[in-house]
Amino acid sequence: MAFTSSTLSSALSALNPVPEVNPNASALPGGAALQTLIDGLAFYALAIAVAVLIGGAAAWALGSNTGNLEWATNGKRATVVAACSAVLVGAASVLVRFFYGLGTQVR
């Protein structure tokens, strides 16, 4: 009997069956509460990012105008970090769905 890739694949899947994963927020109790919690955390993360962005921009401006290179550098860093964190918070669900989709293609 010759083994082909399809017979080997079916034999391996019979030995180690992998259950399908289908995320469903309503499958367990508390799904709506968890969604509300995630939305609230995203709000707080964005509020903090706005505060850091304002403070970083102010430090950058003051440091640049007074010749204080440390303040200017730290202000630039805070401004960039706040902007990047806002992008990541906004793109978090898309990124997770993208990598989940990649993960479902692994065989």
PDB file of N, CA and C in Angstrom:
ATOM      1  N   MET A   1       0.842  -1.177   0.000  1.00  0.00           N
ATOM      2  CA  MET A   1       0.000   0.000   0.000  1.00  0.00           C
ATOM      3  C   MET A   1       0.885   1.238   0.000  1.00  0.00           C
ATOM      4  N   ALA A   2       0.675   2.112  -0.935  1.00  0.00           N
ATOM      5  CA  ALA A   2       1.479   3.327  -1.060  1.00  0.00           C
ATOM      6  C   ALA A   2       0.806   4.462  -0.306  1.00  0.00           C
ATOM      7  N   PHE A   3       1.623   5.201   0.404  1.00  0.00           N
ATOM      8  CA  PHE A   3       1.103   6.354   1.131  1.00  0.00           C
ATOM      9  C   PHE A   3       1.230   7.593   0.264  1.00  0.00           C
ATOM     10  N   THR A   4       0.168   8.309   0.149  1.00  0.00           N
ATOM     11  CA  THR A   4       0.198   9.604  -0.525  1.00  0.00           C
ATOM     12  C   THR A   4       0.052  10.689   0.530  1.00  0.00           C
ATOM     13  N   SER A   5       0.209  11.915   0.110  1.00  0.00           N
ATOM     14  CA  SER A   5       0.113  13.000   1.090  1.00  0.00           C
ATOM     15  C   SER A   5      -1.295  13.105   1.669  1.00  0.00           C
ATOM     16  N   SER A   6      -2.309  12.786   0.882  1.00  0.00           N
ATOM     17  CA  SER A   6      -3.676  12.884   1.408  1.00  0.00           C
ATOM     18  C   SER A   6      -3.966  11.776   2.420  1.00  0.00           C
ATOM     19  N   THR A   7      -3.470  10.562   2.171  1.00  0.00           N
ATOM     20  CA  THR A   7      -3.699   9.494   3.140  1.00  0.00           C
ATOM     21  C   THR A   7      -2.903   9.739   4.404  1.00  0.00           C
ATOM     22  N   LEU A   8      -1.702  10.288   4.261  1.00  0.00           N
ATOM     23  CA  LEU A   8      -0.894  10.611   5.440  1.00  0.00           C
ATOM     24  C   LEU A   8      -1.563  11.725   6.245  1.00  0.00           C
ATOM     25  N   SER A   9      -2.082  12.726   5.556  1.00  0.00           N
ATOM     26  CA  SER A   9      -2.753  13.831   6.230  1.00  0.00           C
ATOM     27  C   SER A   9      -3.999  13.351   6.963  1.00  0.00           C
ATOM     28  N   SER A  10      -4.789  12.501   6.321  1.00  0.00           N
ATOM     29  CA  SER A  10      -6.001  12.002   6.988  1.00  0.00           C
ATOM     30  C   SER A  10      -5.645  11.085   8.147  1.00  0.00           C
ATOM     31  N   ALA A  11      -4.555  10.318   8.022  1.00  0.00           N
ATOM     32  CA  ALA A  11      -4.134   9.457   9.124  1.00  0.00           C
ATOM     33  C   ALA A  11      -3.664  10.289  10.309  1.00  0.00           C
ATOM     34  N   LEU A  12      -2.928  11.367  10.053  1.00  0.00           N
ATOM     35  CA  LEU A  12      -2.451  12.226  11.137  1.00  0.00           C
ATOM     36  C   LEU A  12      -3.602  12.973  11.796  1.00  0.00           C
ATOM     37  N   SER A  13      -4.563  13.435  11.005  1.00  0.00           N
ATOM     38  CA  SER A  13      -5.692  14.147  11.607  1.00  0.00           C
ATOM     39  C   SER A  13      -6.568  13.204  12.419  1.00  0.00           C
ATOM     40  N   ALA A  14      -6.615  11.942  12.056  1.00  0.00           N
ATOM     41  CA  ALA A  14      -7.383  10.973  12.837  1.00  0.00           C
ATOM     42  C   ALA A  14      -6.691  10.691  14.166  1.00  0.00           C
ATOM     43  N   LEU A  15      -5.353  10.725  14.177  1.00  0.00           N
ATOM     44  CA  LEU A  15      -4.612  10.482  15.412  1.00  0.00           C
ATOM     45  C   LEU A  15      -4.675  11.668  16.355  1.00  0.00           C
ATOM     46  N   ASN A  16      -4.653  12.875  15.814  1.00  0.00           N
ATOM     47  CA  ASN A  16      -4.622  14.074  16.636  1.00  0.00           C
ATOM     48  C   ASN A  16      -5.661  15.066  16.130  1.00  0.00           C
ATOM     49  N   PRO A  17      -6.916  14.854  16.433  1.00  0.00           N
ATOM     50  CA  PRO A  17      -7.932  15.778  15.938  1.00  0.00           C
ATOM     51  C   PRO A  17      -7.824  17.129  16.649  1.00  0.00           C
ATOM     52  N   VAL A  18      -7.848  18.184  15.876  1.00  0.00           N
ATOM     53  CA  VAL A  18      -7.771  19.530  16.429  1.00  0.00           C
ATOM     54  C   VAL A  18      -9.158  20.159  16.328  1.00  0.00           C
ATOM     55  N   PRO A  19      -9.718  20.579  17.449  1.00  0.00           N
ATOM     56  CA  PRO A  19     -11.058  21.173  17.384  1.00  0.00           C
ATOM     57  C   PRO A  19     -11.026  22.537  16.699  1.00  0.00           C
ATOM     58  N   GLU A  20     -12.090  22.837  16.022  1.00  0.00           N
ATOM     59  CA  GLU A  20     -12.226  24.148  15.400  1.00  0.00           C
ATOM     60  C   GLU A  20     -12.519  25.185  16.479  1.00  0.00           C
ATOM     61  N   VAL A  21     -11.955  26.363  16.321  1.00  0.00           N
ATOM     62  CA  VAL A  21     -12.197  27.457  17.254  1.00  0.00           C
ATOM     63  C   VAL A  21     -13.006  28.517  16.531  1.00  0.00           C
ATOM     64  N   ASN A  22     -14.173  28.802  17.047  1.00  0.00           N
ATOM     65  CA  ASN A  22     -15.046  29.826  16.472  1.00  0.00           C
ATOM     66  C   ASN A  22     -15.421  30.817  17.561  1.00  0.00           C
ATOM     67  N   PRO A  23     -14.696  31.940  17.660  1.00  0.00           N
ATOM     68  CA  PRO A  23     -15.002  32.918  18.709  1.00  0.00           C
ATOM     69  C   PRO A  23     -16.433  33.438  18.598  1.00  0.00           C
ATOM     70  N   ASN A  24     -17.112  33.457  19.734  1.00  0.00           N
ATOM     71  CA  ASN A  24     -18.487  33.911  19.774  1.00  0.00           C
ATOM     72  C   ASN A  24     -18.723  34.585  21.121  1.00  0.00           C
ATOM     73  N   ALA A  25     -18.990  35.882  21.104  1.00  0.00           N
ATOM     74  CA  ALA A  25     -19.158  36.639  22.349  1.00  0.00           C
ATOM     75  C   ALA A  25     -20.381  36.201  23.140  1.00  0.00           C
ATOM     76  N   SER A  26     -21.380  35.667  22.459  1.00  0.00           N
ATOM     77  CA  SER A  26     -22.598  35.273  23.174  1.00  0.00           C
ATOM     78  C   SER A  26     -22.577  33.810  23.607  1.00  0.00           C
ATOM     79  N   ALA A  27     -21.461  33.110  23.388  1.00  0.00           N
ATOM     80  CA  ALA A  27     -21.382  31.693  23.749  1.00  0.00           C
ATOM     81  C   ALA A  27     -21.302  31.488  25.260  1.00  0.00           C
ATOM     82  N   LEU A  28     -20.743  32.435  25.977  1.00  0.00           N
ATOM     83  CA  LEU A  28     -20.635  32.345  27.430  1.00  0.00           C
ATOM     84  C   LEU A  28     -21.296  33.556  28.068  1.00  0.00           C
ATOM     85  N   PRO A  29     -21.752  33.426  29.278  1.00  0.00           N
ATOM     86  CA  PRO A  29     -22.329  34.596  29.949  1.00  0.00           C
ATOM     87  C   PRO A  29     -21.237  35.636  30.228  1.00  0.00           C
ATOM     88  N   GLY A  30     -21.599  36.876  30.116  1.00  0.00           N
ATOM     89  CA  GLY A  30     -20.649  37.945  30.400  1.00  0.00           C
ATOM     90  C   GLY A  30     -19.963  38.494  29.167  1.00  0.00           C
ATOM     91  N   GLY A  31     -20.330  38.023  27.994  1.00  0.00           N
ATOM     92  CA  GLY A  31     -19.701  38.511  26.768  1.00  0.00           C
ATOM     93  C   GLY A  31     -19.943  39.995  26.552  1.00  0.00           C
ATOM     94  N   ALA A  32     -21.159  40.435  26.811  1.00  0.00           N
ATOM     95  CA  ALA A  32     -21.492  41.859  26.650  1.00  0.00           C
ATOM     96  C   ALA A  32     -20.752  42.709  27.678  1.00  0.00           C
ATOM     97  N   ALA A  33     -20.635  42.193  28.898  1.00  0.00           N
ATOM     98  CA  ALA A  33     -19.910  42.929  29.934  1.00  0.00           C
ATOM     99  C   ALA A  33     -18.429  43.031  29.584  1.00  0.00           C
ATOM    100  N   LEU A  34     -17.880  41.965  29.022  1.00  0.00           N
ATOM    101  CA  LEU A  34     -16.476  41.998  28.620  1.00  0.00           C
ATOM    102  C   LEU A  34     -16.264  42.998  27.491  1.00  0.00           C
ATOM    103  N   GLN A  35     -17.195  43.056  26.541  1.00  0.00           N
ATOM    104  CA  GLN A  35     -17.094  44.037  25.451  1.00  0.00           C
ATOM    105  C   GLN A  35     -17.153  45.453  25.999  1.00  0.00           C
ATOM    106  N   THR A  36     -18.027  45.695  26.976  1.00  0.00           N
ATOM    107  CA  THR A  36     -18.127  47.015  27.601  1.00  0.00           C
ATOM    108  C   THR A  36     -16.834  47.360  28.328  1.00  0.00           C
ATOM    109  N   LEU A  37     -16.244  46.388  29.013  1.00  0.00           N
ATOM    110  CA  LEU A  37     -14.978  46.606  29.707  1.00  0.00           C
ATOM    111  C   LEU A  37     -13.867  46.951  28.727  1.00  0.00           C
ATOM    112  N   ILE A  38     -13.791  46.239  27.609  1.00  0.00           N
ATOM    113  CA  ILE A  38     -12.768  46.513  26.601  1.00  0.00           C
ATOM    114  C   ILE A  38     -12.957  47.902  26.010  1.00  0.00           C
ATOM    115  N   ASP A  39     -14.196  48.291  25.737  1.00  0.00           N
ATOM    116  CA  ASP A  39     -14.474  49.632  25.214  1.00  0.00           C
ATOM    117  C   ASP A  39     -14.046  50.709  26.209  1.00  0.00           C
ATOM    118  N   GLY A  40     -14.313  50.466  27.492  1.00  0.00           N
ATOM    119  CA  GLY A  40     -13.906  51.416  28.527  1.00  0.00           C
ATOM    120  C   GLY A  40     -12.396  51.525  28.643  1.00  0.00           C
ATOM    121  N   LEU A  41     -11.711  50.385  28.572  1.00  0.00           N
ATOM    122  CA  LEU A  41     -10.246  50.421  28.624  1.00  0.00           C
ATOM    123  C   LEU A  41      -9.661  51.165  27.423  1.00  0.00           C
ATOM    124  N   ALA A  42     -10.263  50.975  26.255  1.00  0.00           N
ATOM    125  CA  ALA A  42      -9.801  51.697  25.068  1.00  0.00           C
ATOM    126  C   ALA A  42     -10.014  53.203  25.247  1.00  0.00           C
ATOM    127  N   PHE A  43     -11.138  53.589  25.853  1.00  0.00           N
ATOM    128  CA  PHE A  43     -11.382  55.008  26.114  1.00  0.00           C
ATOM    129  C   PHE A  43     -10.314  55.583  27.029  1.00  0.00           C
ATOM    130  N   TYR A  44     -10.012  54.880  28.133  1.00  0.00           N
ATOM    131  CA  TYR A  44      -8.998  55.383  29.056  1.00  0.00           C
ATOM    132  C   TYR A  44      -7.620  55.428  28.402  1.00  0.00           C
ATOM    133  N   ALA A  45      -7.294  54.436  27.592  1.00  0.00           N
ATOM    134  CA  ALA A  45      -5.998  54.440  26.901  1.00  0.00           C
ATOM    135  C   ALA A  45      -5.896  55.635  25.956  1.00  0.00           C
ATOM    136  N   LEU A  46      -6.980  55.936  25.245  1.00  0.00           N
ATOM    137  CA  LEU A  46      -6.958  57.093  24.345  1.00  0.00           C
ATOM    138  C   LEU A  46      -6.925  58.407  25.111  1.00  0.00           C
ATOM    139  N   ALA A  47      -7.610  58.483  26.245  1.00  0.00           N
ATOM    140  CA  ALA A  47      -7.579  59.698  27.061  1.00  0.00           C
ATOM    141  C   ALA A  47      -6.171  59.952  27.590  1.00  0.00           C
ATOM    142  N   ILE A  48      -5.503  58.897  28.018  1.00  0.00           N
ATOM    143  CA  ILE A  48      -4.123  59.035  28.488  1.00  0.00           C
ATOM    144  C   ILE A  48      -3.208  59.427  27.337  1.00  0.00           C
ATOM    145  N   ALA A  49      -3.431  58.852  26.157  1.00  0.00           N
ATOM    146  CA  ALA A  49      -2.617  59.205  24.992  1.00  0.00           C
ATOM    147  C   ALA A  49      -2.778  60.680  24.640  1.00  0.00           C
ATOM    148  N   VAL A  50      -3.994  61.207  24.736  1.00  0.00           N
ATOM    149  CA  VAL A  50      -4.224  62.629  24.455  1.00  0.00           C
ATOM    150  C   VAL A  50      -3.483  63.493  25.474  1.00  0.00           C
ATOM    151  N   ALA A  51      -3.562  63.133  26.743  1.00  0.00           N
ATOM    152  CA  ALA A  51      -2.876  63.903  27.778  1.00  0.00           C
ATOM    153  C   ALA A  51      -1.357  63.885  27.570  1.00  0.00           C
ATOM    154  N   VAL A  52      -0.816  62.712  27.242  1.00  0.00           N
ATOM    155  CA  VAL A  52       0.627  62.602  27.009  1.00  0.00           C
ATOM    156  C   VAL A  52       1.021  63.377  25.751  1.00  0.00           C
ATOM    157  N   LEU A  53       0.184  63.332  24.731  1.00  0.00           N
ATOM    158  CA  LEU A  53       0.462  64.069  23.505  1.00  0.00           C
ATOM    159  C   LEU A  53       0.507  65.570  23.765  1.00  0.00           C
ATOM    160  N   ILE A  54      -0.445  66.082  24.532  1.00  0.00           N
ATOM    161  CA  ILE A  54      -0.450  67.509  24.863  1.00  0.00           C
ATOM    162  C   ILE A  54       0.772  67.882  25.700  1.00  0.00           C
ATOM    163  N   GLY A  55       1.049  67.079  26.724  1.00  0.00           N
ATOM    164  CA  GLY A  55       2.216  67.357  27.564  1.00  0.00           C
ATOM    165  C   GLY A  55       3.527  67.243  26.797  1.00  0.00           C
ATOM    166  N   GLY A  56       3.625  66.225  25.932  1.00  0.00           N
ATOM    167  CA  GLY A  56       4.842  66.059  25.139  1.00  0.00           C
ATOM    168  C   GLY A  56       5.042  67.190  24.151  1.00  0.00           C
ATOM    169  N   ALA A  57       3.964  67.615  23.520  1.00  0.00           N
ATOM    170  CA  ALA A  57       4.078  68.731  22.572  1.00  0.00           C
ATOM    171  C   ALA A  57       4.459  70.017  23.289  1.00  0.00           C
ATOM    172  N   ALA A  58       3.910  70.231  24.493  1.00  0.00           N
ATOM    173  CA  ALA A  58       4.263  71.420  25.269  1.00  0.00           C
ATOM    174  C   ALA A  58       5.729  71.371  25.689  1.00  0.00           C
ATOM    175  N   ALA A  59       6.194  70.211  26.144  1.00  0.00           N
ATOM    176  CA  ALA A  59       7.605  70.087  26.537  1.00  0.00           C
ATOM    177  C   ALA A  59       8.522  70.280  25.343  1.00  0.00           C
ATOM    178  N   TRP A  60       8.132  69.739  24.202  1.00  0.00           N
ATOM    179  CA  TRP A  60       8.913  69.889  22.982  1.00  0.00           C
ATOM    180  C   TRP A  60       9.011  71.368  22.591  1.00  0.00           C
ATOM    181  N   ALA A  61       7.884  72.062  22.636  1.00  0.00           N
ATOM    182  CA  ALA A  61       7.876  73.482  22.271  1.00  0.00           C
ATOM    183  C   ALA A  61       8.696  74.316  23.250  1.00  0.00           C
ATOM    184  N   LEU A  62       8.495  74.087  24.540  1.00  0.00           N
ATOM    185  CA  LEU A  62       9.262  74.851  25.533  1.00  0.00           C
ATOM    186  C   LEU A  62      10.750  74.550  25.446  1.00  0.00           C
ATOM    187  N   GLY A  63      11.076  73.265  25.274  1.00  0.00           N
ATOM    188  CA  GLY A  63      12.483  72.893  25.174  1.00  0.00           C
ATOM    189  C   GLY A  63      13.151  73.470  23.942  1.00  0.00           C
ATOM    190  N   SER A  64      12.436  73.494  22.842  1.00  0.00           N
ATOM    191  CA  SER A  64      13.003  74.044  21.605  1.00  0.00           C
ATOM    192  C   SER A  64      13.178  75.551  21.702  1.00  0.00           C
ATOM    193  N   ASN A  65      12.218  76.238  22.328  1.00  0.00           N
ATOM    194  CA  ASN A  65      12.292  77.701  22.413  1.00  0.00           C
ATOM    195  C   ASN A  65      13.272  78.196  23.456  1.00  0.00           C
ATOM    196  N   THR A  66      13.545  77.390  24.480  1.00  0.00           N
ATOM    197  CA  THR A  66      14.466  77.820  25.530  1.00  0.00           C
ATOM    198  C   THR A  66      15.860  77.232  25.346  1.00  0.00           C
ATOM    199  N   GLY A  67      16.039  76.364  24.348  1.00  0.00           N
ATOM    200  CA  GLY A  67      17.349  75.756  24.116  1.00  0.00           C
ATOM    201  C   GLY A  67      17.639  74.584  25.038  1.00  0.00           C
ATOM    202  N   ASN A  68      16.622  74.079  25.716  1.00  0.00           N
ATOM    203  CA  ASN A  68      16.801  72.947  26.612  1.00  0.00           C
ATOM    204  C   ASN A  68      16.623  71.661  25.793  1.00  0.00           C
ATOM    205  N   LEU A  69      17.741  71.061  25.407  1.00  0.00           N
ATOM    206  CA  LEU A  69      17.690  69.902  24.525  1.00  0.00           C
ATOM    207  C   LEU A  69      17.061  68.688  25.192  1.00  0.00           C
ATOM    208  N   GLU A  70      17.227  68.561  26.500  1.00  0.00           N
ATOM    209  CA  GLU A  70      16.641  67.415  27.200  1.00  0.00           C
ATOM    210  C   GLU A  70      15.112  67.474  27.150  1.00  0.00           C
ATOM    211  N   TRP A  71      14.543  68.647  27.416  1.00  0.00           N
ATOM    212  CA  TRP A  71      13.095  68.792  27.353  1.00  0.00           C
ATOM    213  C   TRP A  71      12.586  68.576  25.935  1.00  0.00           C
ATOM    214  N   ALA A  72      13.305  69.128  24.954  1.00  0.00           N
ATOM    215  CA  ALA A  72      12.888  68.982  23.560  1.00  0.00           C
ATOM    216  C   ALA A  72      12.907  67.516  23.140  1.00  0.00           C
ATOM    217  N   THR A  73      13.958  66.807  23.512  1.00  0.00           N
ATOM    218  CA  THR A  73      14.074  65.387  23.157  1.00  0.00           C
ATOM    219  C   THR A  73      13.002  64.556  23.851  1.00  0.00           C
ATOM    220  N   ASN A  74      12.804  64.787  25.139  1.00  0.00           N
ATOM    221  CA  ASN A  74      11.773  64.042  25.864  1.00  0.00           C
ATOM    222  C   ASN A  74      10.373  64.385  25.352  1.00  0.00           C
ATOM    223  N   GLY A  75      10.165  65.637  24.969  1.00  0.00           N
ATOM    224  CA  GLY A  75       8.874  66.026  24.414  1.00  0.00           C
ATOM    225  C   GLY A  75       8.614  65.357  23.075  1.00  0.00           C
ATOM    226  N   LYS A  76       9.643  65.280  22.234  1.00  0.00           N
ATOM    227  CA  LYS A  76       9.501  64.574  20.952  1.00  0.00           C
ATOM    228  C   LYS A  76       9.156  63.115  21.190  1.00  0.00           C
ATOM    229  N   ARG A  77       9.887  62.494  22.114  1.00  0.00           N
ATOM    230  CA  ARG A  77       9.664  61.080  22.404  1.00  0.00           C
ATOM    231  C   ARG A  77       8.240  60.850  22.910  1.00  0.00           C
ATOM    232  N   ALA A  78       7.784  61.701  23.824  1.00  0.00           N
ATOM    233  CA  ALA A  78       6.433  61.548  24.373  1.00  0.00           C
ATOM    234  C   ALA A  78       5.379  61.756  23.290  1.00  0.00           C
ATOM    235  N   THR A  79       5.605  62.712  22.398  1.00  0.00           N
ATOM    236  CA  THR A  79       4.650  62.970  21.319  1.00  0.00           C
ATOM    237  C   THR A  79       4.546  61.774  20.384  1.00  0.00           C
ATOM    238  N   VAL A  80       5.676  61.207  20.005  1.00  0.00           N
ATOM    239  CA  VAL A  80       5.675  60.059  19.095  1.00  0.00           C
ATOM    240  C   VAL A  80       5.079  58.830  19.770  1.00  0.00           C
ATOM    241  N   VAL A  81       5.415  58.600  21.021  1.00  0.00           N
ATOM    242  CA  VAL A  81       4.874  57.444  21.743  1.00  0.00           C
ATOM    243  C   VAL A  81       3.365  57.572  21.907  1.00  0.00           C
ATOM    244  N   ALA A  82       2.876  58.758  22.212  1.00  0.00           N
ATOM    245  CA  ALA A  82       1.431  58.955  22.370  1.00  0.00           C
ATOM    246  C   ALA A  82       0.706  58.740  21.047  1.00  0.00           C
ATOM    247  N   ALA A  83       1.274  59.254  19.959  1.00  0.00           N
ATOM    248  CA  ALA A  83       0.641  59.064  18.650  1.00  0.00           C
ATOM    249  C   ALA A  83       0.635  57.587  18.260  1.00  0.00           C
ATOM    250  N   CYS A  84       1.741  56.893  18.481  1.00  0.00           N
ATOM    251  CA  CYS A  84       1.811  55.463  18.153  1.00  0.00           C
ATOM    252  C   CYS A  84       0.857  54.650  19.019  1.00  0.00           C
ATOM    253  N   SER A  85       0.738  55.007  20.290  1.00  0.00           N
ATOM    254  CA  SER A  85      -0.180  54.262  21.157  1.00  0.00           C
ATOM    255  C   SER A  85      -1.625  54.475  20.728  1.00  0.00           C
ATOM    256  N   ALA A  86      -1.974  55.678  20.269  1.00  0.00           N
ATOM    257  CA  ALA A  86      -3.334  55.919  19.787  1.00  0.00           C
ATOM    258  C   ALA A  86      -3.611  55.098  18.531  1.00  0.00           C
ATOM    259  N   VAL A  87      -2.609  54.990  17.658  1.00  0.00           N
ATOM    260  CA  VAL A  87      -2.770  54.158  16.456  1.00  0.00           C
ATOM    261  C   VAL A  87      -2.970  52.701  16.847  1.00  0.00           C
ATOM    262  N   LEU A  88      -2.185  52.211  17.796  1.00  0.00           N
ATOM    263  CA  LEU A  88      -2.309  50.810  18.218  1.00  0.00           C
ATOM    264  C   LEU A  88      -3.648  50.526  18.897  1.00  0.00           C
ATOM    265  N   VAL A  89      -4.128  51.466  19.699  1.00  0.00           N
ATOM    266  CA  VAL A  89      -5.440  51.266  20.334  1.00  0.00           C
ATOM    267  C   VAL A  89      -6.525  51.225  19.271  1.00  0.00           C
ATOM    268  N   GLY A  90      -6.432  52.115  18.304  1.00  0.00           N
ATOM    269  CA  GLY A  90      -7.428  52.142  17.238  1.00  0.00           C
ATOM    270  C   GLY A  90      -7.390  50.921  16.342  1.00  0.00           C
ATOM    271  N   ALA A  91      -6.201  50.382  16.127  1.00  0.00           N
ATOM    272  CA  ALA A  91      -6.036  49.245  15.219  1.00  0.00           C
ATOM    273  C   ALA A  91      -6.003  47.911  15.943  1.00  0.00           C
ATOM    274  N   ALA A  92      -6.193  47.895  17.247  1.00  0.00           N
ATOM    275  CA  ALA A  92      -6.024  46.663  18.022  1.00  0.00           C
ATOM    276  C   ALA A  92      -6.936  45.535  17.543  1.00  0.00           C
ATOM    277  N   SER A  93      -8.206  45.819  17.378  1.00  0.00           N
ATOM    278  CA  SER A  93      -9.119  44.739  16.992  1.00  0.00           C
ATOM    279  C   SER A  93      -8.834  44.260  15.567  1.00  0.00           C
ATOM    280  N   VAL A  94      -8.447  45.180  14.684  1.00  0.00           N
ATOM    281  CA  VAL A  94      -8.109  44.787  13.309  1.00  0.00           C
ATOM    282  C   VAL A  94      -6.852  43.929  13.301  1.00  0.00           C
ATOM    283  N   LEU A  95      -5.851  44.324  14.094  1.00  0.00           N
ATOM    284  CA  LEU A  95      -4.619  43.537  14.166  1.00  0.00           C
ATOM    285  C   LEU A  95      -4.870  42.146  14.738  1.00  0.00           C
ATOM    286  N   VAL A  96      -5.684  42.062  15.777  1.00  0.00           N
ATOM    287  CA  VAL A  96      -5.980  40.758  16.377  1.00  0.00           C
ATOM    288  C   VAL A  96      -6.730  39.875  15.376  1.00  0.00           C
ATOM    289  N   ARG A  97      -7.723  40.469  14.678  1.00  0.00           N
ATOM    290  CA  ARG A  97      -8.450  39.687  13.671  1.00  0.00           C
ATOM    291  C   ARG A  97      -7.543  39.245  12.527  1.00  0.00           C
ATOM    292  N   PHE A  98      -6.599  40.109  12.130  1.00  0.00           N
ATOM    293  CA  PHE A  98      -5.669  39.750  11.055  1.00  0.00           C
ATOM    294  C   PHE A  98      -4.811  38.556  11.469  1.00  0.00           C
ATOM    295  N   PHE A  99      -4.218  38.630  12.663  1.00  0.00           N
ATOM    296  CA  PHE A  99      -3.357  37.532  13.101  1.00  0.00           C
ATOM    297  C   PHE A  99      -4.162  36.277  13.450  1.00  0.00           C
ATOM    298  N   TYR A 100      -5.401  36.438  13.886  1.00  0.00           N
ATOM    299  CA  TYR A 100      -6.267  35.273  14.092  1.00  0.00           C
ATOM    300  C   TYR A 100      -6.528  34.593  12.752  1.00  0.00           C
ATOM    301  N   GLY A 101      -6.773  35.395  11.728  1.00  0.00           N
ATOM    302  CA  GLY A 101      -6.966  34.837  10.386  1.00  0.00           C
ATOM    303  C   GLY A 101      -5.737  34.104   9.889  1.00  0.00           C
ATOM    304  N   LEU A 102      -4.552  34.661  10.167  1.00  0.00           N
ATOM    305  CA  LEU A 102      -3.323  33.951   9.804  1.00  0.00           C
ATOM    306  C   LEU A 102      -3.202  32.633  10.559  1.00  0.00           C
ATOM    307  N   GLY A 103      -3.571  32.671  11.829  1.00  0.00           N
ATOM    308  CA  GLY A 103      -3.477  31.469  12.649  1.00  0.00           C
ATOM    309  C   GLY A 103      -4.417  30.370  12.210  1.00  0.00           C
ATOM    310  N   THR A 104      -5.573  30.747  11.667  1.00  0.00           N
ATOM    311  CA  THR A 104      -6.514  29.720  11.211  1.00  0.00           C
ATOM    312  C   THR A 104      -6.037  29.037   9.940  1.00  0.00           C
ATOM    313  N   GLN A 105      -5.074  29.622   9.265  1.00  0.00           N
ATOM    314  CA  GLN A 105      -4.556  29.020   8.036  1.00  0.00           C
ATOM    315  C   GLN A 105      -3.429  28.030   8.293  1.00  0.00           C
ATOM    316  N   VAL A 106      -2.941  27.964   9.535  1.00  0.00           N
ATOM    317  CA  VAL A 106      -1.857  27.035   9.879  1.00  0.00           C
ATOM    318  C   VAL A 106      -2.405  25.617   9.876  1.00  0.00           C
ATOM    319  N   ARG A 107      -1.731  24.759   9.202  1.00  0.00           N
ATOM    320  CA  ARG A 107      -2.157  23.348   9.129  1.00  0.00           C
ATOM    321  C   ARG A 107      -1.077  22.448   9.644  1.00  0.00           C
TER     322      ARG A 107
END
